[in-house]
Amino acid sequence: MKASSFFQELLRKGGIRLRLMLIIAGLVAGTALVLSAVVFPLQEASIRQKAFDVCEVSALSISSAAGEALLTDQSLLLEDIIRTIKNENVEGLKEISVIFKGRYFVHSQNDRRGKSVESDVIGRAQSVQSGVKRESLETEDGDAYEFMTPIRFQERVIGYTRIVYDEEAISGPIRRARLIAFLVALITLAVSFAAVYFISGSVARPILQVADASRRVGEGDLNVRLDIRSHDELGILADQFNHMVDELKEKLHMSKFVSGSTVKMIKASRGESEMKLGGSRQDSAFFFSDVRGFTAWSEKTTPENVVTVLNEYLDLQTQIIKRYGGDIDKYVGDEIMAVFTGDDKEDRCLQAAVAVIDELKRYNDERVARKETALNVGIGCHCGEVVVGNMGSHDRMDFTAIGDVVNLSARLCSAAEALQIVTTKHMLGLTKSHFRLRELEPIKVKGKEKPIEIVGIVGLEEKAPK
C-alpha cells in the first residue's frame, strides 16, 4: 500500500477525532516553530533593548549629578546614587563607577575605589564625546556590555560614568524561556497561546506605555507620569523616566527666570571655560512699559493683592510681546523692558505696543465690571544701535543692552500718559506699517542739545491710505 493511501485510510477511519488531533498536532508544531523562529527573537531583542535602556538611563542619571560632585569632591552623593541603583537588584549589573582624573572616583566594588583606571578603559572613555557609548567586552566571567557616558560641567568633559552589564543576564533567561515555552506548547495549544499572550503582553504593555509617554513629552507635556509598579528593569526604567521628566520640568521652570537672549548667549558660548564680560554693537528696538499710579494704589491694598494683580498685568503684556517676537529683558517692579531684533523689529515692536493697549482696555473693562481696580500703563518705544553683552562682575553678570537708545526709550515711557504709546519720529520712519498718530510736542532730554521729536501711536490702520 502506498503511503498516501495509508494516510487517507487512517483519516477515513479515525474520523473527526483524528483529524482534530492532527490539526492540533500541526498547530502545536507550528506554534513551536513560530516561537523558535519569531517570538523569542523578538522577545530577546526587546529584553536586550530594555536592559540597554536601563544602563543608559542610569549612566546618564549619574553623569547629570556628577559634575559638581567631582569638582567639590563630594563622593558621598555619587556613592548614594550607586547604592540606590545596586539596591534595586538589577540582575547583570556587574560594575558601576565614576572615572575622574584617571582614577575610579567611586566604584560599586569598594576595593577598586581610588585606584588607577586601566589604560584600555581610559582609551575607550576618551573616545566618548556625547551620549552613551555601548561596547561588547570579553571578561573573565564571560561576555559583557560596557556603557560609557561623559560627565560635563559647564559644557566641559571632566570625567566619565562607566557601567558594565553581564550579557548572561540577557541570554540566560532567554534560553530558559525557550525551553519552558516549548514544553508548555507541547502540552496544549491553548496553554501555549495563553502563556505567549500573557508574557508578550506583560512585556510589551509597559514598553508601549513608555513609548506613549515619550511621545507626549516630545509634544511638550511634562505632566506625564509612568505608573509601572514592577520591581524589575521596567520598574527602574519607569522611575528613571519619571525622574527625567521632573528634571526637564525643573529646567523649564528655571528657564523662565532668564531672558531668551540670555539662553541664546549661553548656547553660543558652549565650549568656553567661563563666561566673559563684554559686549558688541547691535541694532534693536526697545519696548518700555510702566504701570501708572502703581505706588499710590499699592499703598492702599495688601502686599498679596499687589503681587497677584501686578503679575496678571505683567503676564498679559509678556504674552503679547512674545507673540510679536520680542524678548523680555527684565522686569523692574511694575516696569517691563523688552527687546526686538531681526527683520521688521520696529514694526513688530510698535504693533506689540498697540496690541498691549487694546488688550489692556478690554481687560480693564472686565475688571471694572467685577468691581476690581483697573490699572493703566504707559509705553515708550525707540530703536537704534546699542551695546549688548554680559554686564556686571565675573561672579554675577547679566546679559542686557545699554546705551543712549535704551535710556531714551525709558524716558519716553515716563513721558507717556496712561494707555498712551510714545515713540520717536525716527523710529516711526523706519516702519512699514501704517499707524494712527497723534502729534506731540518735542521733549527735552538731559544730555541732548535739541528736543526729541516724538509722536503718539493711537492704533494700527486696517488699510494703508491711498
Protein backbone atom coordinates (compact mmCIF):
# COMPACT_ATOMS: atom_id res chain seq x y z
CA MET A 1 0.00 0.00 0.00
CA LYS A 2 1.30 3.40 -0.89
CA ALA A 3 1.95 5.91 1.89
CA SER A 4 -0.66 8.35 0.59
CA SER A 5 -3.31 5.65 0.51
CA PHE A 6 -2.38 4.59 4.05
CA PHE A 7 -2.90 8.08 5.46
CA GLN A 8 -6.13 8.50 3.55
CA GLU A 9 -7.48 5.29 5.03
CA LEU A 10 -6.31 6.28 8.50
CA LEU A 11 -8.05 9.62 8.24
CA ARG A 12 -11.21 7.99 6.98
CA LYS A 13 -11.38 5.54 9.87
CA GLY A 14 -10.31 7.97 12.55
CA GLY A 15 -12.93 10.48 11.66
CA ILE A 16 -13.17 13.94 13.27
CA ARG A 17 -11.22 12.98 16.42
CA LEU A 18 -8.12 12.01 14.47
CA ARG A 19 -8.45 14.98 12.21
CA LEU A 20 -8.62 17.31 15.22
CA MET A 21 -5.64 15.56 16.80
CA LEU A 22 -3.63 16.03 13.62
CA ILE A 23 -4.75 19.64 13.35
CA ILE A 24 -3.82 20.26 16.99
CA ALA A 25 -0.51 18.47 16.50
CA GLY A 26 0.14 20.61 13.42
CA LEU A 27 -0.82 23.76 15.30
CA VAL A 28 1.41 22.80 18.22
CA ALA A 29 4.30 22.11 15.87
CA GLY A 30 3.61 25.35 14.03
CA THR A 31 3.38 27.21 17.32
CA ALA A 32 6.69 25.76 18.46
CA LEU A 33 8.23 26.75 15.14
CA VAL A 34 6.82 30.25 15.37
CA LEU A 35 8.04 30.55 18.95
CA SER A 36 11.52 29.45 17.99
CA ALA A 37 11.74 31.45 14.79
CA VAL A 38 9.80 34.62 15.53
CA VAL A 39 8.53 35.26 19.04
CA PHE A 40 11.66 34.50 21.03
CA PRO A 41 13.99 36.55 18.82
CA LEU A 42 11.61 39.47 19.24
CA GLN A 43 11.49 38.93 23.00
CA GLU A 44 15.25 38.69 23.17
CA ALA A 45 15.59 41.94 21.24
CA SER A 46 13.01 43.59 23.48
CA ILE A 47 14.67 42.44 26.71
CA ARG A 48 18.09 43.37 25.39
CA GLN A 49 16.93 46.85 24.45
CA LYS A 50 15.23 47.19 27.80
CA ALA A 51 18.44 46.29 29.62
CA PHE A 52 20.39 48.73 27.45
CA ASP A 53 17.88 51.48 28.20
CA VAL A 54 18.21 50.85 31.94
CA CYS A 55 22.01 51.06 31.77
CA GLU A 56 21.95 54.12 29.54
CA VAL A 57 19.40 55.94 31.69
CA SER A 58 21.36 55.01 34.83
CA ALA A 59 24.61 56.24 33.28
CA LEU A 60 23.02 59.50 32.17
CA SER A 61 21.40 59.93 35.58
CA ILE A 62 24.74 59.52 37.37
CA SER A 63 26.50 61.84 34.90
CA SER A 64 23.87 64.55 35.34
CA ALA A 65 24.51 64.64 39.08
CA ALA A 66 28.27 64.07 38.99
CA GLY A 67 29.57 67.36 37.59
CA GLU A 68 29.58 69.47 40.72
CA ALA A 69 30.18 66.42 42.91
CA LEU A 70 33.51 65.73 41.19
CA LEU A 71 34.74 69.31 41.37
CA THR A 72 33.75 69.63 45.04
CA ASP A 73 34.99 66.13 45.96
CA GLN A 74 31.55 65.06 47.19
CA SER A 75 31.85 61.31 46.73
CA LEU A 76 29.03 60.58 49.20
CA LEU A 77 26.41 61.86 46.76
CA LEU A 78 27.64 59.57 43.98
CA GLU A 79 28.05 56.64 46.36
CA ASP A 80 24.46 57.11 47.46
CA ILE A 81 23.26 57.08 43.83
CA ILE A 82 25.26 53.93 43.06
CA ARG A 83 24.00 52.30 46.26
CA THR A 84 20.42 53.12 45.27
CA ILE A 85 20.89 51.50 41.86
CA LYS A 86 22.55 48.45 43.40
CA ASN A 87 19.73 48.09 45.93
CA GLU A 88 17.30 47.69 43.05
CA ASN A 89 18.94 44.28 42.49
CA VAL A 90 19.22 44.72 38.75
CA GLU A 91 20.35 41.33 37.51
CA GLY A 92 23.51 41.51 35.45
CA LEU A 93 24.73 44.87 36.71
CA LYS A 94 28.38 43.99 37.39
CA GLU A 95 30.10 47.34 37.82
CA ILE A 96 29.15 50.97 38.31
CA SER A 97 31.93 53.51 38.52
CA VAL A 98 32.78 57.18 38.01
CA ILE A 99 36.16 57.97 36.42
CA PHE A 100 37.88 61.24 37.34
CA LYS A 101 41.50 62.23 36.63
CA GLY A 102 42.50 58.71 35.63
CA ARG A 103 41.17 57.06 38.80
CA TYR A 104 37.95 55.48 39.98
CA PHE A 105 36.40 58.31 41.97
CA VAL A 106 33.68 55.93 43.18
CA HIS A 107 33.14 52.25 42.36
CA SER A 108 30.49 49.70 43.19
CA GLN A 109 33.38 47.40 44.21
CA ASN A 110 34.87 49.11 47.24
CA ASP A 111 38.35 47.65 46.77
CA ARG A 112 38.72 49.39 43.40
CA ARG A 113 37.74 52.85 44.63
CA GLY A 114 40.58 55.35 44.19
CA LYS A 115 42.68 53.00 42.04
CA SER A 116 44.04 53.87 38.62
CA VAL A 117 41.82 53.13 35.66
CA GLU A 118 43.05 50.55 33.15
CA SER A 119 44.62 52.06 30.04
CA ASP A 120 42.21 50.34 27.65
CA VAL A 121 39.28 51.68 29.65
CA ILE A 122 40.78 55.19 29.53
CA GLY A 123 41.21 54.86 25.77
CA ARG A 124 37.60 53.87 25.25
CA ALA A 125 36.38 56.59 27.59
CA GLN A 126 38.25 59.36 25.79
CA SER A 127 36.55 58.39 22.54
CA VAL A 128 33.15 59.25 24.04
CA GLN A 129 32.20 62.87 23.43
CA SER A 130 28.45 62.79 23.96
CA GLY A 131 25.56 60.45 24.70
CA VAL A 132 26.13 56.88 25.86
CA LYS A 133 28.57 54.62 24.03
CA ARG A 134 28.00 50.87 24.27
CA GLU A 135 30.67 48.27 23.52
CA SER A 136 30.88 44.50 23.83
CA LEU A 137 33.58 43.17 26.17
CA GLU A 138 35.17 39.80 26.81
CA THR A 139 35.78 39.37 30.52
CA GLU A 140 37.00 36.53 32.68
CA ASP A 141 33.40 35.82 33.65
CA GLY A 142 32.12 35.85 30.07
CA ASP A 143 30.77 38.39 27.64
CA ALA A 144 29.51 41.73 28.90
CA TYR A 145 28.45 45.17 27.73
CA GLU A 146 30.20 48.39 28.68
CA PHE A 147 28.30 51.67 28.80
CA MET A 148 30.28 54.93 28.86
CA THR A 149 28.97 58.47 29.05
CA PRO A 150 30.90 61.72 29.65
CA ILE A 151 30.39 63.84 32.75
CA ARG A 152 30.18 67.51 31.89
CA PHE A 153 30.43 70.66 33.94
CA GLN A 154 29.64 73.88 32.12
CA GLU A 155 30.00 72.04 28.77
CA ARG A 156 33.44 70.62 29.64
CA VAL A 157 34.11 66.89 29.92
CA ILE A 158 35.62 66.33 33.37
CA GLY A 159 35.04 62.61 33.84
CA TYR A 160 33.10 59.53 32.77
CA THR A 161 30.40 57.22 34.10
CA ARG A 162 31.05 53.53 33.37
CA ILE A 163 28.57 50.67 33.75
CA VAL A 164 29.37 47.03 32.95
CA TYR A 165 26.38 44.74 32.32
CA ASP A 166 26.63 40.93 32.14
CA GLU A 167 25.45 39.52 28.80
CA GLU A 168 24.43 36.32 30.54
CA ALA A 169 21.69 38.26 32.32
CA ILE A 170 20.07 38.63 28.89
CA SER A 171 20.88 35.36 27.14
CA GLY A 172 20.40 33.14 30.21
CA PRO A 173 16.74 33.99 30.84
CA ILE A 174 16.07 33.76 27.10
CA ARG A 175 17.44 30.21 26.92
CA ARG A 176 15.34 29.13 29.88
CA ALA A 177 12.27 30.83 28.44
CA ARG A 178 12.73 28.96 25.15
CA LEU A 179 12.72 25.60 26.89
CA ILE A 180 9.79 26.37 29.19
CA ALA A 181 7.66 27.86 26.44
CA PHE A 182 8.40 24.93 24.12
CA LEU A 183 7.35 22.40 26.78
CA VAL A 184 4.21 24.38 27.52
CA ALA A 185 3.40 24.47 23.80
CA LEU A 186 3.66 20.67 23.65
CA ILE A 187 1.15 20.23 26.47
CA THR A 188 -1.73 22.11 24.87
CA LEU A 189 -2.11 24.71 22.20
CA ALA A 190 -4.42 26.75 24.35
CA VAL A 191 -1.99 26.92 27.27
CA SER A 192 0.87 27.82 24.98
CA PHE A 193 -1.15 30.56 23.33
CA ALA A 194 -2.24 31.87 26.72
CA ALA A 195 1.32 31.82 28.03
CA VAL A 196 2.72 33.56 24.98
CA TYR A 197 -0.08 36.10 25.06
CA PHE A 198 0.48 36.82 28.76
CA ILE A 199 4.25 37.05 28.52
CA SER A 200 4.20 39.21 25.40
CA GLY A 201 1.51 41.43 26.87
CA SER A 202 3.26 41.85 30.21
CA VAL A 203 6.48 42.86 28.49
CA ALA A 204 5.07 44.93 25.64
CA ARG A 205 2.43 46.84 27.60
CA PRO A 206 4.84 48.78 29.83
CA ILE A 207 7.12 49.44 26.86
CA LEU A 208 4.16 50.84 24.94
CA GLN A 209 3.36 52.99 27.96
CA VAL A 210 6.92 54.31 27.95
CA ALA A 211 6.72 54.93 24.20
CA ASP A 212 3.42 56.79 24.56
CA ALA A 213 4.78 58.80 27.48
CA SER A 214 7.91 59.65 25.48
CA ARG A 215 5.75 60.84 22.60
CA ARG A 216 3.76 63.08 24.93
CA VAL A 217 6.94 64.52 26.43
CA GLY A 218 8.17 65.20 22.90
CA GLU A 219 4.96 67.14 22.31
CA GLY A 220 5.67 69.28 25.38
CA ASP A 221 3.51 67.54 28.01
CA LEU A 222 5.69 67.44 31.13
CA ASN A 223 2.88 66.28 33.41
CA VAL A 224 3.32 62.68 32.23
CA ARG A 225 3.87 60.08 34.96
CA LEU A 226 4.54 56.38 34.41
CA ASP A 227 2.76 54.14 36.91
CA ILE A 228 4.64 50.89 36.36
CA ARG A 229 4.98 49.28 39.77
CA SER A 230 7.06 46.27 38.82
CA HIS A 231 10.33 45.59 40.62
CA ASP A 232 12.31 44.65 37.52
CA GLU A 233 14.15 46.63 34.87
CA LEU A 234 10.86 48.07 33.59
CA GLY A 235 10.12 49.46 37.02
CA ILE A 236 13.58 51.02 37.15
CA LEU A 237 13.08 52.42 33.66
CA ALA A 238 9.76 53.94 34.72
CA ASP A 239 11.35 55.50 37.81
CA GLN A 240 14.21 56.91 35.77
CA PHE A 241 11.78 58.20 33.14
CA ASN A 242 9.73 59.97 35.81
CA HIS A 243 12.94 61.40 37.25
CA MET A 244 13.97 62.61 33.78
CA VAL A 245 10.61 64.35 33.30
CA ASP A 246 10.98 66.00 36.71
CA GLU A 247 14.43 67.26 35.71
CA LEU A 248 13.06 68.61 32.42
CA LYS A 249 10.27 70.34 34.30
CA GLU A 250 12.77 71.92 36.71
CA LYS A 251 14.90 73.14 33.80
CA LEU A 252 11.80 74.55 32.12
CA HIS A 253 10.88 76.40 35.31
CA MET A 254 14.44 77.72 35.67
CA SER A 255 14.44 78.94 32.05
CA LYS A 256 11.57 81.29 32.95
CA PHE A 257 13.91 83.28 35.19
CA VAL A 258 16.23 84.29 32.34
CA SER A 259 15.54 86.06 29.07
CA GLY A 260 15.52 84.31 25.72
CA SER A 261 18.55 86.32 24.63
CA THR A 262 20.44 85.08 27.68
CA VAL A 263 19.65 81.48 26.77
CA LYS A 264 20.86 82.07 23.20
CA MET A 265 24.06 83.66 24.52
CA ILE A 266 24.74 80.67 26.79
CA LYS A 267 24.19 78.24 23.90
CA ALA A 268 26.53 80.29 21.72
CA SER A 269 29.22 80.13 24.44
CA ARG A 270 29.39 76.33 24.59
CA GLY A 271 32.94 75.11 24.77
CA GLU A 272 34.27 78.15 26.60
CA SER A 273 35.75 77.57 30.03
CA GLU A 274 33.85 80.50 31.56
CA MET A 275 31.52 83.32 30.64
CA LYS A 276 33.30 86.59 29.85
CA LEU A 277 32.26 90.17 30.43
CA GLY A 278 31.88 92.43 27.42
CA GLY A 279 29.51 93.23 24.60
CA SER A 280 29.03 94.07 20.95
CA ARG A 281 27.03 96.59 18.96
CA GLN A 282 23.59 95.62 17.74
CA ASP A 283 20.56 97.32 16.20
CA SER A 284 17.50 96.73 18.35
CA ALA A 285 14.07 98.15 19.06
CA PHE A 286 13.05 98.66 22.69
CA PHE A 287 9.69 98.49 24.43
CA PHE A 288 9.30 100.01 27.90
CA SER A 289 6.02 99.93 29.82
CA ASP A 290 5.21 101.19 33.28
CA VAL A 291 2.03 100.98 35.39
CA ARG A 292 0.63 104.43 36.07
CA GLY A 293 -0.29 105.24 39.67
CA PHE A 294 1.13 101.95 40.87
CA THR A 295 2.78 103.30 44.02
CA ALA A 296 -0.33 105.13 45.20
CA TRP A 297 -2.54 102.11 44.52
CA SER A 298 -0.16 99.65 46.18
CA GLU A 299 -0.23 101.67 49.41
CA LYS A 300 -3.99 101.17 49.63
CA THR A 301 -4.10 97.39 49.30
CA THR A 302 -2.41 94.32 50.73
CA PRO A 303 1.01 93.16 49.50
CA GLU A 304 -0.51 89.82 48.46
CA ASN A 305 -3.08 91.56 46.27
CA VAL A 306 -0.40 93.83 44.81
CA VAL A 307 1.65 90.82 43.70
CA THR A 308 -1.38 88.98 42.29
CA VAL A 309 -2.72 91.91 40.28
CA LEU A 310 0.71 93.06 39.10
CA ASN A 311 1.55 89.58 37.84
CA GLU A 312 -1.70 89.49 35.86
CA TYR A 313 -0.82 92.74 34.10
CA LEU A 314 2.79 91.73 33.52
CA ASP A 315 1.76 88.34 32.12
CA LEU A 316 -0.79 89.94 29.79
CA GLN A 317 1.88 92.20 28.30
CA THR A 318 4.50 89.44 28.19
CA GLN A 319 2.35 87.07 26.15
CA ILE A 320 1.68 89.77 23.56
CA ILE A 321 5.35 90.80 23.39
CA LYS A 322 6.38 87.19 22.77
CA ARG A 323 3.66 86.81 20.15
CA TYR A 324 5.30 89.61 18.18
CA GLY A 325 8.80 88.13 18.51
CA GLY A 326 10.01 90.24 21.41
CA ASP A 327 12.20 89.09 24.28
CA ILE A 328 11.69 90.17 27.89
CA ASP A 329 15.00 91.62 29.04
CA LYS A 330 13.90 92.28 32.60
CA TYR A 331 11.10 93.17 34.98
CA VAL A 332 11.78 96.09 37.31
CA GLY A 333 8.90 96.29 39.75
CA ASP A 334 5.90 97.29 37.65
CA GLU A 335 8.07 98.07 34.60
CA ILE A 336 8.84 95.85 31.60
CA MET A 337 11.87 96.20 29.34
CA ALA A 338 11.58 94.19 26.12
CA VAL A 339 13.89 93.91 23.11
CA PHE A 340 13.04 93.27 19.47
CA THR A 341 15.72 92.22 16.98
CA GLY A 342 15.84 90.97 13.42
CA ASP A 343 13.78 91.92 10.40
CA ASP A 344 10.89 94.37 10.86
CA LYS A 345 11.83 94.84 14.51
CA GLU A 346 10.47 98.41 14.53
CA ASP A 347 7.11 97.30 13.11
CA ARG A 348 6.79 94.37 15.49
CA CYS A 349 7.72 96.50 18.49
CA LEU A 350 5.08 99.15 17.78
CA GLN A 351 2.48 96.55 16.77
CA ALA A 352 3.06 94.80 20.09
CA ALA A 353 2.58 98.11 21.91
CA VAL A 354 -0.73 98.71 20.11
CA ALA A 355 -1.87 95.17 20.90
CA VAL A 356 -0.96 95.64 24.58
CA ILE A 357 -3.03 98.83 24.87
CA ASP A 358 -6.01 97.23 23.07
CA GLU A 359 -5.89 94.15 25.28
CA LEU A 360 -5.47 96.24 28.45
CA LYS A 361 -8.60 98.23 27.60
CA ARG A 362 -10.58 95.02 27.17
CA TYR A 363 -9.13 93.51 30.36
CA ASN A 364 -9.78 96.68 32.37
CA ASP A 365 -13.42 96.66 31.26
CA GLU A 366 -13.72 93.14 32.68
CA ARG A 367 -12.11 94.19 35.96
CA VAL A 368 -14.36 97.23 36.30
CA ALA A 369 -17.40 95.02 35.65
CA ARG A 370 -16.20 92.81 38.53
CA LYS A 371 -15.72 95.96 40.65
CA GLU A 372 -11.97 95.41 40.74
CA THR A 373 -9.24 98.02 40.40
CA ALA A 374 -8.15 98.68 36.82
CA LEU A 375 -4.55 99.71 36.20
CA ASN A 376 -3.19 101.50 33.15
CA VAL A 377 0.25 101.57 31.59
CA GLY A 378 2.24 103.99 29.52
CA ILE A 379 4.54 102.70 26.79
CA GLY A 380 7.70 104.16 25.27
CA CYS A 381 9.45 102.75 22.18
CA HIS A 382 12.66 103.67 20.40
CA CYS A 383 15.25 101.93 18.22
CA GLY A 384 18.88 102.21 17.28
CA GLU A 385 22.35 100.87 17.95
CA VAL A 386 23.15 99.67 21.47
CA VAL A 387 25.81 97.61 23.21
CA VAL A 388 24.59 94.10 24.03
CA GLY A 389 26.54 91.72 26.23
CA ASN A 390 27.45 90.48 29.69
CA MET A 391 27.37 93.26 32.25
CA GLY A 392 28.36 93.09 35.92
CA SER A 393 31.19 91.19 37.59
CA HIS A 394 32.85 87.84 36.98
CA ASP A 395 30.84 86.39 39.87
CA ARG A 396 27.44 87.80 38.93
CA MET A 397 26.58 89.08 35.49
CA ASP A 398 23.52 89.98 33.49
CA PHE A 399 23.06 89.75 29.73
CA THR A 400 21.39 93.02 28.72
CA ALA A 401 21.59 96.08 26.49
CA ILE A 402 22.85 99.54 27.40
CA GLY A 403 23.18 102.81 25.57
CA ASP A 404 21.53 106.09 24.71
CA VAL A 405 18.73 104.28 22.83
CA VAL A 406 17.78 102.33 25.95
CA ASN A 407 17.81 105.44 28.10
CA LEU A 408 15.66 107.38 25.64
CA SER A 409 13.16 104.50 25.43
CA ALA A 410 12.79 104.57 29.20
CA ARG A 411 12.42 108.37 29.11
CA LEU A 412 9.64 108.10 26.51
CA CYS A 413 7.87 105.59 28.74
CA SER A 414 8.00 108.07 31.61
CA ALA A 415 6.58 110.77 29.34
CA ALA A 416 3.68 108.62 28.14
CA GLU A 417 0.29 109.10 29.72
CA ALA A 418 -1.95 106.25 30.81
CA LEU A 419 -2.80 103.96 27.86
CA GLN A 420 -0.57 106.03 25.60
CA ILE A 421 2.25 104.89 23.29
CA VAL A 422 5.06 107.37 22.67
CA THR A 423 7.79 106.81 20.09
CA THR A 424 10.24 108.90 18.11
CA LYS A 425 9.63 110.10 14.60
CA HIS A 426 12.93 108.43 13.76
CA MET A 427 11.56 105.01 14.68
CA LEU A 428 8.23 105.68 13.00
CA GLY A 429 10.07 106.48 9.77
CA LEU A 430 11.65 103.01 9.76
CA THR A 431 8.34 101.16 9.90
CA LYS A 432 6.34 99.73 7.03
CA SER A 433 3.07 99.59 8.94
CA HIS A 434 0.51 102.40 8.93
CA PHE A 435 -0.40 103.72 12.35
CA ARG A 436 -2.97 106.21 13.51
CA LEU A 437 -0.97 109.03 15.05
CA ARG A 438 -1.28 111.87 17.49
CA GLU A 439 1.07 114.81 17.25
CA LEU A 440 3.01 115.54 20.44
CA GLU A 441 5.27 118.37 21.47
CA PRO A 442 9.01 117.61 21.30
CA ILE A 443 10.56 116.77 24.64
CA LYS A 444 13.84 117.89 26.15
CA VAL A 445 16.10 115.07 27.26
CA LYS A 446 19.06 115.50 29.55
CA GLY A 447 22.29 115.33 27.58
CA LYS A 448 20.63 116.22 24.28
CA GLU A 449 21.06 119.69 22.77
CA LYS A 450 17.94 119.55 20.61
CA PRO A 451 14.47 118.44 21.68
CA ILE A 452 13.45 114.95 20.58
CA GLU A 453 10.61 114.87 18.08
CA ILE A 454 8.03 112.39 19.27
CA VAL A 455 4.62 111.13 18.22
CA GLY A 456 1.79 109.25 19.90
CA ILE A 457 0.61 105.93 18.44
CA VAL A 458 -3.18 105.73 18.66
CA GLY A 459 -3.69 102.49 16.79
CA LEU A 460 -3.00 100.47 13.67
CA GLU A 461 -4.77 101.32 10.43
CA GLU A 462 -6.51 98.35 8.86
CA LYS A 463 -5.70 99.53 5.34
CA ALA A 464 -2.97 101.77 4.04
CA PRO A 465 -4.24 105.18 2.90
CA LYS A 466 -4.49 105.62 -0.84
